[in-house]
Amino acid sequence: MAAPLISVIIPVYNHYADLFKTLKSLFQQSIYNSQIEVIVVDDGSTDKDTKKDQEILKIALPQVKFFVIPHAGAAAARNFGFKQSSGEYIIFWDADLETNKLFLEKLLTALKTNPSAAFAYSSFYFGWKKFPGQAFDAQKIKSHNYIPMTSLIRRSDFLG
């Protein structure tokens, strides 16, 4: 079996109601197919419904790789997920993220069109507030990080 093109890594902590919605959004991506690897890393959830929801997820979505680690925070869960992944590209997908169905396709096209770019990102909404995308500026990024966590990254350029 060929390695997946994109590994989608989803850290989750006590957000299973949101996780089901975000997985639906992910599965509706225009390029979702066997080349998309989905990895969910439960960061030691403690809410009362977690065990039941974990079992539902494993049964309903056997194509999803599911891991449980001791609680160590989102960054640790993302790095753990990266170590389990094998895609040429990776993206960290928050457990409450819902996107346009062309989201991954557009980011992938941007990276394929610009082979020297390490990652691609877009505008996004947080609640009702829009955070518009900005052209990359090496000086500006040093004082203000305007790049969202949900960016498509070439595996070879991910530093951990």
Foldseek 3Di string as FASTA:
>chain_A
DDAAAEEEEEEDAPQLVLLVVAVVLVCLAPPDDPSYAYEYEYQQHDDPCVVVSVVVCCVVPVSHHYYYDHHDDDVVSRVVSLVVGDHQKYWYAYSNDHDDNHVVVVFVVVCVVPVVDFKAAAWDDDVNDILGDDDDDPVVCVPPPSGDRGIIGGSVPDPD
